[in-house]
Amino acid sequence: GPGVFGGNFHTHNSVYMPPGLDVVCYSNGSDYARGWRYCIEQAKKGRVVMSVDCTDLLNRRHVDPDAKDNDLMCHYPEKGVLPFSSVITRDPKGNRISVPDIPEGATAVVTYGTAVPEAIRVQRSPDGLGDIYVIDCPLLSGVPDELETAMTRLDAVLFADV
């Protein structure tokens, strides 16, 4: 049947999430493409999925605009999905790592969408807070399995929303 437009959620300060609604928010184009493939798979199976777009990120190319680092530019992934159970973890040098590679006792910022580049900026700052891991959690309507696992490895956590 015909689709139904769900509204302009990016202009509001909150997102209504009734039970059974899967809500996601991706921080970059590569994860967005992989995540959308998974969203489509889930919708075909009967799930109801809502994606909150980070309109601020659509035209950004740099984590640090002054450095013109192009770190928000990414290649389109030809294959692969990003399941709701996943998080994207970056070590203090900005490299993507798997959750089991987070050392015991680490400190992390858990965030999503537009806040991810901001967390990476803090991570890179010479006045930064030390060895900070950034955990990008696209699923907003639940707690991904990988986030639960990561929490067992961390001594300090900041949940950040922008």
N, C-alpha and C. Protein backbone atom coordinates (compact mmCIF):
# COMPACT_ATOMS: atom_id res chain seq x y z
N GLY A 1 0.80 -1.17 0.00
CA GLY A 1 0.00 0.00 0.00
C GLY A 1 0.86 1.26 0.00
N PRO A 2 0.21 2.40 -0.01
CA PRO A 2 0.94 3.66 -0.03
C PRO A 2 1.65 3.91 1.30
N GLY A 3 2.78 4.59 1.24
CA GLY A 3 3.53 4.95 2.44
C GLY A 3 2.90 6.13 3.14
N VAL A 4 3.28 6.33 4.37
CA VAL A 4 2.78 7.43 5.16
C VAL A 4 3.96 8.24 5.67
N PHE A 5 3.94 9.54 5.45
CA PHE A 5 5.01 10.40 5.93
C PHE A 5 4.89 10.56 7.43
N GLY A 6 5.99 10.35 8.16
CA GLY A 6 5.95 10.31 9.61
C GLY A 6 6.16 11.61 10.32
N GLY A 7 6.46 12.69 9.65
CA GLY A 7 6.61 13.95 10.35
C GLY A 7 8.02 14.49 10.31
N ASN A 8 8.17 15.65 10.84
CA ASN A 8 9.43 16.38 10.79
C ASN A 8 10.12 16.33 12.14
N PHE A 9 10.60 15.17 12.55
CA PHE A 9 11.11 14.97 13.90
C PHE A 9 12.39 15.76 14.18
N HIS A 10 13.14 16.11 13.15
CA HIS A 10 14.42 16.79 13.41
C HIS A 10 14.24 18.21 13.93
N THR A 11 13.05 18.73 13.91
CA THR A 11 12.84 20.09 14.41
C THR A 11 12.32 20.11 15.84
N HIS A 12 12.20 18.95 16.45
CA HIS A 12 11.67 18.85 17.80
C HIS A 12 12.77 18.48 18.78
N ASN A 13 12.52 18.70 20.04
CA ASN A 13 13.52 18.39 21.07
C ASN A 13 13.37 16.99 21.62
N SER A 14 12.39 16.26 21.18
CA SER A 14 12.22 14.89 21.64
C SER A 14 11.60 14.05 20.54
N VAL A 15 11.77 12.76 20.67
CA VAL A 15 11.19 11.83 19.70
C VAL A 15 10.31 10.87 20.48
N TYR A 16 9.05 10.79 20.11
CA TYR A 16 8.13 9.87 20.75
C TYR A 16 8.44 8.46 20.28
N MET A 17 8.66 7.54 21.22
CA MET A 17 9.02 6.18 20.85
C MET A 17 8.09 5.17 21.53
N PRO A 18 6.96 4.88 20.90
CA PRO A 18 6.06 3.88 21.49
C PRO A 18 6.70 2.49 21.41
N PRO A 19 6.28 1.58 22.28
CA PRO A 19 6.82 0.21 22.24
C PRO A 19 6.67 -0.40 20.85
N GLY A 20 7.69 -1.12 20.44
CA GLY A 20 7.65 -1.79 19.15
C GLY A 20 8.21 -0.99 18.00
N LEU A 21 8.49 0.29 18.23
CA LEU A 21 9.06 1.13 17.18
C LEU A 21 10.59 1.11 17.32
N ASP A 22 11.27 0.72 16.27
CA ASP A 22 12.73 0.74 16.25
C ASP A 22 13.16 2.11 15.73
N VAL A 23 13.91 2.87 16.55
CA VAL A 23 14.34 4.22 16.16
C VAL A 23 15.86 4.22 16.06
N VAL A 24 16.36 4.69 14.91
CA VAL A 24 17.80 4.72 14.67
C VAL A 24 18.22 6.12 14.22
N CYS A 25 19.50 6.42 14.47
CA CYS A 25 20.06 7.70 14.06
C CYS A 25 21.54 7.48 13.77
N TYR A 26 21.92 7.59 12.52
CA TYR A 26 23.30 7.29 12.11
C TYR A 26 24.14 8.56 12.04
N SER A 27 25.43 8.40 12.25
CA SER A 27 26.34 9.55 12.34
C SER A 27 27.17 9.78 11.08
N ASN A 28 27.10 8.87 10.11
CA ASN A 28 27.88 9.04 8.88
C ASN A 28 27.25 8.23 7.75
N GLY A 29 27.63 8.57 6.54
CA GLY A 29 27.02 7.97 5.37
C GLY A 29 27.23 6.47 5.23
N SER A 30 28.41 6.00 5.58
CA SER A 30 28.71 4.57 5.47
C SER A 30 27.83 3.75 6.41
N ASP A 31 27.74 4.19 7.67
CA ASP A 31 26.89 3.47 8.62
C ASP A 31 25.42 3.62 8.24
N TYR A 32 25.07 4.79 7.70
CA TYR A 32 23.69 5.03 7.27
C TYR A 32 23.30 4.02 6.19
N ALA A 33 24.16 3.82 5.21
CA ALA A 33 23.85 2.87 4.12
C ALA A 33 23.72 1.45 4.66
N ARG A 34 24.67 1.03 5.49
CA ARG A 34 24.61 -0.33 6.06
C ARG A 34 23.40 -0.47 6.98
N GLY A 35 23.14 0.58 7.77
CA GLY A 35 22.01 0.55 8.69
C GLY A 35 20.68 0.49 7.95
N TRP A 36 20.57 1.26 6.86
CA TRP A 36 19.33 1.27 6.09
C TRP A 36 19.04 -0.09 5.47
N ARG A 37 20.08 -0.78 5.05
CA ARG A 37 19.86 -2.13 4.51
C ARG A 37 19.21 -3.01 5.58
N TYR A 38 19.71 -2.88 6.80
CA TYR A 38 19.15 -3.67 7.90
C TYR A 38 17.72 -3.21 8.22
N CYS A 39 17.49 -1.90 8.21
CA CYS A 39 16.15 -1.38 8.46
C CYS A 39 15.15 -1.93 7.45
N ILE A 40 15.55 -1.97 6.19
CA ILE A 40 14.67 -2.50 5.14
C ILE A 40 14.39 -3.98 5.39
N GLU A 41 15.42 -4.74 5.75
CA GLU A 41 15.22 -6.16 6.07
C GLU A 41 14.20 -6.32 7.20
N GLN A 42 14.35 -5.50 8.22
CA GLN A 42 13.45 -5.59 9.37
C GLN A 42 12.02 -5.17 9.01
N ALA A 43 11.88 -4.15 8.20
CA ALA A 43 10.55 -3.71 7.76
C ALA A 43 9.86 -4.80 6.95
N LYS A 44 10.62 -5.50 6.11
CA LYS A 44 10.05 -6.59 5.33
C LYS A 44 9.56 -7.72 6.23
N LYS A 45 10.17 -7.84 7.41
CA LYS A 45 9.76 -8.87 8.38
C LYS A 45 8.64 -8.39 9.30
N GLY A 46 8.17 -7.15 9.08
CA GLY A 46 7.05 -6.66 9.85
C GLY A 46 7.39 -5.66 10.94
N ARG A 47 8.68 -5.35 11.15
CA ARG A 47 9.06 -4.36 12.16
C ARG A 47 8.69 -2.96 11.66
N VAL A 48 8.51 -2.04 12.58
CA VAL A 48 8.25 -0.64 12.24
C VAL A 48 9.51 0.13 12.64
N VAL A 49 10.13 0.79 11.66
CA VAL A 49 11.42 1.44 11.86
C VAL A 49 11.30 2.92 11.51
N MET A 50 11.89 3.76 12.34
CA MET A 50 11.96 5.19 12.06
C MET A 50 13.43 5.61 12.12
N SER A 51 13.87 6.33 11.11
CA SER A 51 15.22 6.87 11.08
C SER A 51 15.15 8.37 11.34
N VAL A 52 15.93 8.82 12.32
CA VAL A 52 16.04 10.24 12.62
C VAL A 52 17.28 10.74 11.89
N ASP A 53 17.08 11.60 10.91
CA ASP A 53 18.21 12.11 10.13
C ASP A 53 18.91 13.25 10.87
N CYS A 54 20.21 13.26 10.79
CA CYS A 54 21.01 14.36 11.34
C CYS A 54 21.24 15.36 10.22
N THR A 55 20.31 16.27 10.05
CA THR A 55 20.40 17.19 8.92
C THR A 55 21.66 18.05 8.98
N ASP A 56 22.18 18.30 10.18
CA ASP A 56 23.41 19.06 10.31
C ASP A 56 24.59 18.36 9.65
N LEU A 57 24.56 17.03 9.66
CA LEU A 57 25.69 16.27 9.10
C LEU A 57 25.65 16.14 7.58
N LEU A 58 24.51 16.44 6.97
CA LEU A 58 24.38 16.21 5.53
C LEU A 58 25.40 16.98 4.70
N ASN A 59 25.75 18.16 5.12
CA ASN A 59 26.68 18.98 4.33
C ASN A 59 28.05 19.13 4.98
N ARG A 60 28.28 18.43 6.06
CA ARG A 60 29.59 18.54 6.72
C ARG A 60 30.57 17.53 6.14
N ARG A 61 31.81 17.95 6.02
CA ARG A 61 32.87 17.07 5.53
C ARG A 61 33.95 16.82 6.56
N HIS A 62 34.01 17.68 7.56
CA HIS A 62 35.15 17.67 8.48
C HIS A 62 34.69 17.52 9.93
N VAL A 63 35.43 16.72 10.69
CA VAL A 63 35.25 16.71 12.14
C VAL A 63 35.74 18.04 12.69
N ASP A 64 36.90 18.46 12.20
CA ASP A 64 37.47 19.76 12.59
C ASP A 64 37.46 20.66 11.35
N PRO A 65 36.48 21.57 11.25
CA PRO A 65 36.38 22.41 10.05
C PRO A 65 37.62 23.27 9.81
N ASP A 66 38.30 23.68 10.88
CA ASP A 66 39.50 24.50 10.72
C ASP A 66 40.64 23.70 10.09
N ALA A 67 40.72 22.43 10.40
CA ALA A 67 41.78 21.57 9.86
C ALA A 67 41.44 21.03 8.48
N LYS A 68 40.18 21.15 8.07
CA LYS A 68 39.73 20.61 6.78
C LYS A 68 40.20 19.15 6.63
N ASP A 69 39.87 18.32 7.63
CA ASP A 69 40.38 16.96 7.71
C ASP A 69 39.64 15.94 6.84
N ASN A 70 38.47 16.29 6.29
CA ASN A 70 37.66 15.38 5.47
C ASN A 70 37.28 14.09 6.19
N ASP A 71 37.30 14.09 7.52
CA ASP A 71 37.05 12.87 8.27
C ASP A 71 35.58 12.45 8.32
N LEU A 72 34.69 13.27 7.82
CA LEU A 72 33.30 12.84 7.71
C LEU A 72 32.98 12.30 6.32
N MET A 73 33.96 12.34 5.44
CA MET A 73 33.80 11.76 4.12
C MET A 73 34.06 10.25 4.23
N CYS A 74 33.23 9.46 3.60
CA CYS A 74 33.43 8.01 3.68
C CYS A 74 33.00 7.37 2.37
N HIS A 75 33.49 6.18 2.15
CA HIS A 75 33.17 5.43 0.95
C HIS A 75 31.83 4.73 1.12
N TYR A 76 31.11 4.62 0.04
CA TYR A 76 29.84 3.89 0.06
C TYR A 76 30.13 2.40 0.18
N PRO A 77 29.57 1.74 1.20
CA PRO A 77 29.80 0.30 1.34
C PRO A 77 28.91 -0.49 0.38
N GLU A 78 29.52 -1.25 -0.49
CA GLU A 78 28.75 -2.01 -1.48
C GLU A 78 27.97 -3.15 -0.84
N LYS A 79 28.43 -3.64 0.31
CA LYS A 79 27.80 -4.77 0.97
C LYS A 79 27.72 -4.49 2.46
N GLY A 80 26.99 -5.37 3.14
CA GLY A 80 26.96 -5.35 4.58
C GLY A 80 25.79 -4.60 5.18
N VAL A 81 25.46 -5.00 6.40
CA VAL A 81 24.40 -4.36 7.17
C VAL A 81 24.96 -3.96 8.54
N LEU A 82 24.25 -3.07 9.19
CA LEU A 82 24.58 -2.67 10.56
C LEU A 82 23.37 -3.01 11.42
N PRO A 83 23.41 -4.17 12.10
CA PRO A 83 22.26 -4.60 12.90
C PRO A 83 21.98 -3.66 14.08
N PHE A 84 20.75 -3.69 14.56
CA PHE A 84 20.38 -2.88 15.72
C PHE A 84 21.21 -3.23 16.96
N SER A 85 21.71 -4.45 17.02
CA SER A 85 22.48 -4.92 18.18
C SER A 85 23.90 -4.35 18.22
N SER A 86 24.31 -3.63 17.17
CA SER A 86 25.70 -3.17 17.04
C SER A 86 25.90 -1.74 17.51
N VAL A 87 27.14 -1.46 17.91
CA VAL A 87 27.63 -0.10 18.14
C VAL A 87 28.92 0.05 17.35
N ILE A 88 29.33 1.28 17.13
CA ILE A 88 30.57 1.57 16.42
C ILE A 88 31.51 2.19 17.45
N THR A 89 32.65 1.55 17.66
CA THR A 89 33.57 1.99 18.72
C THR A 89 34.85 2.51 18.09
N ARG A 90 35.32 3.66 18.61
CA ARG A 90 36.58 4.25 18.17
C ARG A 90 37.52 4.34 19.36
N ASP A 91 38.77 3.89 19.14
CA ASP A 91 39.76 3.99 20.20
C ASP A 91 40.26 5.43 20.32
N PRO A 92 41.12 5.73 21.30
CA PRO A 92 41.59 7.11 21.48
C PRO A 92 42.30 7.71 20.27
N LYS A 93 42.77 6.89 19.34
CA LYS A 93 43.41 7.40 18.12
C LYS A 93 42.40 7.56 16.98
N GLY A 94 41.15 7.22 17.24
CA GLY A 94 40.11 7.38 16.23
C GLY A 94 39.88 6.17 15.35
N ASN A 95 40.60 5.08 15.59
CA ASN A 95 40.45 3.86 14.80
C ASN A 95 39.20 3.10 15.24
N ARG A 96 38.50 2.54 14.27
CA ARG A 96 37.37 1.68 14.61
C ARG A 96 37.91 0.38 15.19
N ILE A 97 37.32 -0.02 16.31
CA ILE A 97 37.70 -1.27 16.95
C ILE A 97 36.44 -2.03 17.33
N SER A 98 36.59 -3.30 17.65
CA SER A 98 35.44 -4.07 18.12
C SER A 98 35.31 -3.91 19.63
N VAL A 99 34.14 -4.13 20.15
CA VAL A 99 33.89 -3.95 21.58
C VAL A 99 34.84 -4.78 22.44
N PRO A 100 35.14 -6.04 22.11
CA PRO A 100 36.07 -6.80 22.95
C PRO A 100 37.48 -6.19 23.03
N ASP A 101 37.81 -5.28 22.12
CA ASP A 101 39.12 -4.64 22.14
C ASP A 101 39.19 -3.43 23.06
N ILE A 102 38.07 -3.04 23.66
CA ILE A 102 38.08 -1.97 24.66
C ILE A 102 38.77 -2.52 25.91
N PRO A 103 39.81 -1.87 26.40
CA PRO A 103 40.48 -2.40 27.59
C PRO A 103 39.61 -2.26 28.84
N GLU A 104 39.79 -3.17 29.78
CA GLU A 104 39.10 -3.08 31.07
C GLU A 104 39.47 -1.76 31.74
N GLY A 105 38.49 -1.09 32.33
CA GLY A 105 38.75 0.13 33.05
C GLY A 105 38.79 1.39 32.21
N ALA A 106 38.39 1.30 30.95
CA ALA A 106 38.45 2.44 30.03
C ALA A 106 37.37 3.47 30.36
N THR A 107 37.52 4.64 29.75
CA THR A 107 36.55 5.73 29.83
C THR A 107 35.98 5.94 28.44
N ALA A 108 34.66 6.14 28.36
CA ALA A 108 34.03 6.29 27.04
C ALA A 108 32.93 7.35 27.06
N VAL A 109 32.72 7.93 25.89
CA VAL A 109 31.56 8.76 25.61
C VAL A 109 30.64 7.92 24.74
N VAL A 110 29.40 7.74 25.18
CA VAL A 110 28.40 7.01 24.40
C VAL A 110 27.46 8.05 23.82
N THR A 111 27.30 8.03 22.50
CA THR A 111 26.51 9.06 21.86
C THR A 111 25.98 8.56 20.52
N TYR A 112 25.39 9.45 19.74
CA TYR A 112 24.83 9.06 18.45
C TYR A 112 24.71 10.30 17.56
N GLY A 113 24.49 10.07 16.28
CA GLY A 113 24.18 11.14 15.34
C GLY A 113 25.17 12.29 15.35
N THR A 114 24.65 13.51 15.45
CA THR A 114 25.45 14.72 15.37
C THR A 114 26.49 14.82 16.48
N ALA A 115 26.24 14.20 17.60
CA ALA A 115 27.17 14.28 18.73
C ALA A 115 28.44 13.46 18.50
N VAL A 116 28.42 12.51 17.58
CA VAL A 116 29.61 11.68 17.36
C VAL A 116 30.80 12.52 16.88
N PRO A 117 30.65 13.36 15.85
CA PRO A 117 31.80 14.19 15.47
C PRO A 117 32.27 15.12 16.60
N GLU A 118 31.34 15.59 17.42
CA GLU A 118 31.72 16.45 18.54
C GLU A 118 32.53 15.65 19.57
N ALA A 119 32.12 14.42 19.83
CA ALA A 119 32.87 13.57 20.76
C ALA A 119 34.26 13.27 20.21
N ILE A 120 34.37 13.07 18.91
CA ILE A 120 35.68 12.82 18.29
C ILE A 120 36.56 14.07 18.41
N ARG A 121 35.95 15.24 18.27
CA ARG A 121 36.73 16.49 18.45
C ARG A 121 37.30 16.58 19.86
N VAL A 122 36.50 16.24 20.85
CA VAL A 122 36.99 16.23 22.24
C VAL A 122 38.08 15.19 22.39
N GLN A 123 37.87 14.04 21.79
CA GLN A 123 38.84 12.96 21.85
C GLN A 123 40.20 13.41 21.29
N ARG A 124 40.20 14.20 20.24
CA ARG A 124 41.42 14.66 19.58
C ARG A 124 42.04 15.89 20.24
N SER A 125 41.30 16.58 21.04
CA SER A 125 41.74 17.85 21.60
C SER A 125 43.01 17.70 22.43
N PRO A 126 43.99 18.60 22.24
CA PRO A 126 45.19 18.53 23.07
C PRO A 126 44.85 18.79 24.54
N ASP A 127 43.75 19.45 24.78
CA ASP A 127 43.28 19.69 26.16
C ASP A 127 42.27 18.63 26.56
N GLY A 128 42.26 17.53 25.83
CA GLY A 128 41.25 16.49 26.02
C GLY A 128 41.33 15.84 27.38
N LEU A 129 40.54 14.82 27.53
CA LEU A 129 40.38 14.17 28.82
C LEU A 129 41.17 12.88 28.94
N GLY A 130 42.18 12.70 28.14
CA GLY A 130 42.96 11.47 28.19
C GLY A 130 42.49 10.48 27.16
N ASP A 131 42.67 9.21 27.46
CA ASP A 131 42.33 8.14 26.53
C ASP A 131 40.83 7.86 26.56
N ILE A 132 40.11 8.56 25.72
CA ILE A 132 38.66 8.45 25.65
C ILE A 132 38.26 7.58 24.46
N TYR A 133 37.39 6.64 24.68
CA TYR A 133 36.80 5.85 23.62
C TYR A 133 35.46 6.48 23.26
N VAL A 134 35.12 6.47 21.99
CA VAL A 134 33.82 7.00 21.54
C VAL A 134 33.00 5.82 21.06
N ILE A 135 31.82 5.67 21.65
CA ILE A 135 30.91 4.60 21.26
C ILE A 135 29.68 5.23 20.62
N ASP A 136 29.55 4.99 19.33
CA ASP A 136 28.45 5.50 18.51
C ASP A 136 27.33 4.47 18.59
N CYS A 137 26.20 4.87 19.15
CA CYS A 137 25.08 3.96 19.38
C CYS A 137 23.88 4.41 18.54
N PRO A 138 23.74 3.90 17.31
CA PRO A 138 22.67 4.37 16.44
C PRO A 138 21.26 4.00 16.90
N LEU A 139 21.11 2.92 17.66
CA LEU A 139 19.78 2.51 18.10
C LEU A 139 19.36 3.37 19.29
N LEU A 140 18.28 4.12 19.13
CA LEU A 140 17.80 5.01 20.19
C LEU A 140 16.66 4.42 20.99
N SER A 141 16.00 3.41 20.47
CA SER A 141 14.80 2.88 21.11
C SER A 141 15.07 1.67 22.01
N GLY A 142 16.32 1.32 22.18
CA GLY A 142 16.67 0.19 23.02
C GLY A 142 18.16 0.22 23.32
N VAL A 143 18.60 -0.79 24.05
CA VAL A 143 20.02 -0.90 24.39
C VAL A 143 20.61 -2.03 23.55
N PRO A 144 21.50 -1.70 22.61
CA PRO A 144 22.10 -2.75 21.78
C PRO A 144 22.93 -3.73 22.61
N ASP A 145 22.96 -4.97 22.19
CA ASP A 145 23.75 -5.99 22.88
C ASP A 145 25.20 -5.57 23.05
N GLU A 146 25.78 -4.99 21.99
CA GLU A 146 27.19 -4.60 22.07
C GLU A 146 27.41 -3.47 23.08
N LEU A 147 26.42 -2.61 23.30
CA LEU A 147 26.58 -1.57 24.31
C LEU A 147 26.57 -2.19 25.70
N GLU A 148 25.71 -3.16 25.93
CA GLU A 148 25.70 -3.86 27.22
C GLU A 148 27.06 -4.49 27.48
N THR A 149 27.64 -5.12 26.48
CA THR A 149 28.96 -5.73 26.63
C THR A 149 30.01 -4.67 26.91
N ALA A 150 29.98 -3.57 26.16
CA ALA A 150 30.96 -2.50 26.37
C ALA A 150 30.90 -1.95 27.78
N MET A 151 29.70 -1.81 28.33
CA MET A 151 29.53 -1.24 29.67
C MET A 151 30.25 -2.06 30.73
N THR A 152 30.39 -3.37 30.51
CA THR A 152 31.08 -4.21 31.50
C THR A 152 32.58 -3.96 31.50
N ARG A 153 33.10 -3.31 30.47
CA ARG A 153 34.53 -3.06 30.34
C ARG A 153 34.93 -1.66 30.81
N LEU A 154 33.96 -0.80 31.02
CA LEU A 154 34.23 0.61 31.27
C LEU A 154 34.14 0.95 32.76
N ASP A 155 35.04 1.85 33.19
CA ASP A 155 34.97 2.38 34.56
C ASP A 155 34.24 3.71 34.62
N ALA A 156 34.26 4.47 33.53
CA ALA A 156 33.61 5.78 33.49
C ALA A 156 32.93 5.95 32.15
N VAL A 157 31.69 6.48 32.19
CA VAL A 157 30.89 6.64 30.97
C VAL A 157 30.18 7.98 31.01
N LEU A 158 30.23 8.68 29.89
CA LEU A 158 29.44 9.90 29.72
C LEU A 158 28.48 9.63 28.58
N PHE A 159 27.18 9.78 28.83
CA PHE A 159 26.19 9.68 27.77
C PHE A 159 25.94 11.10 27.27
N ALA A 160 26.17 11.34 25.99
CA ALA A 160 26.08 12.69 25.44
C ALA A 160 25.06 12.78 24.33
N ASP A 161 24.27 13.83 24.39
CA ASP A 161 23.27 14.13 23.37
C ASP A 161 23.49 15.59 22.97
N VAL A 162 23.42 15.90 21.69
CA VAL A 162 23.61 17.28 21.23
C VAL A 162 22.31 17.78 20.65
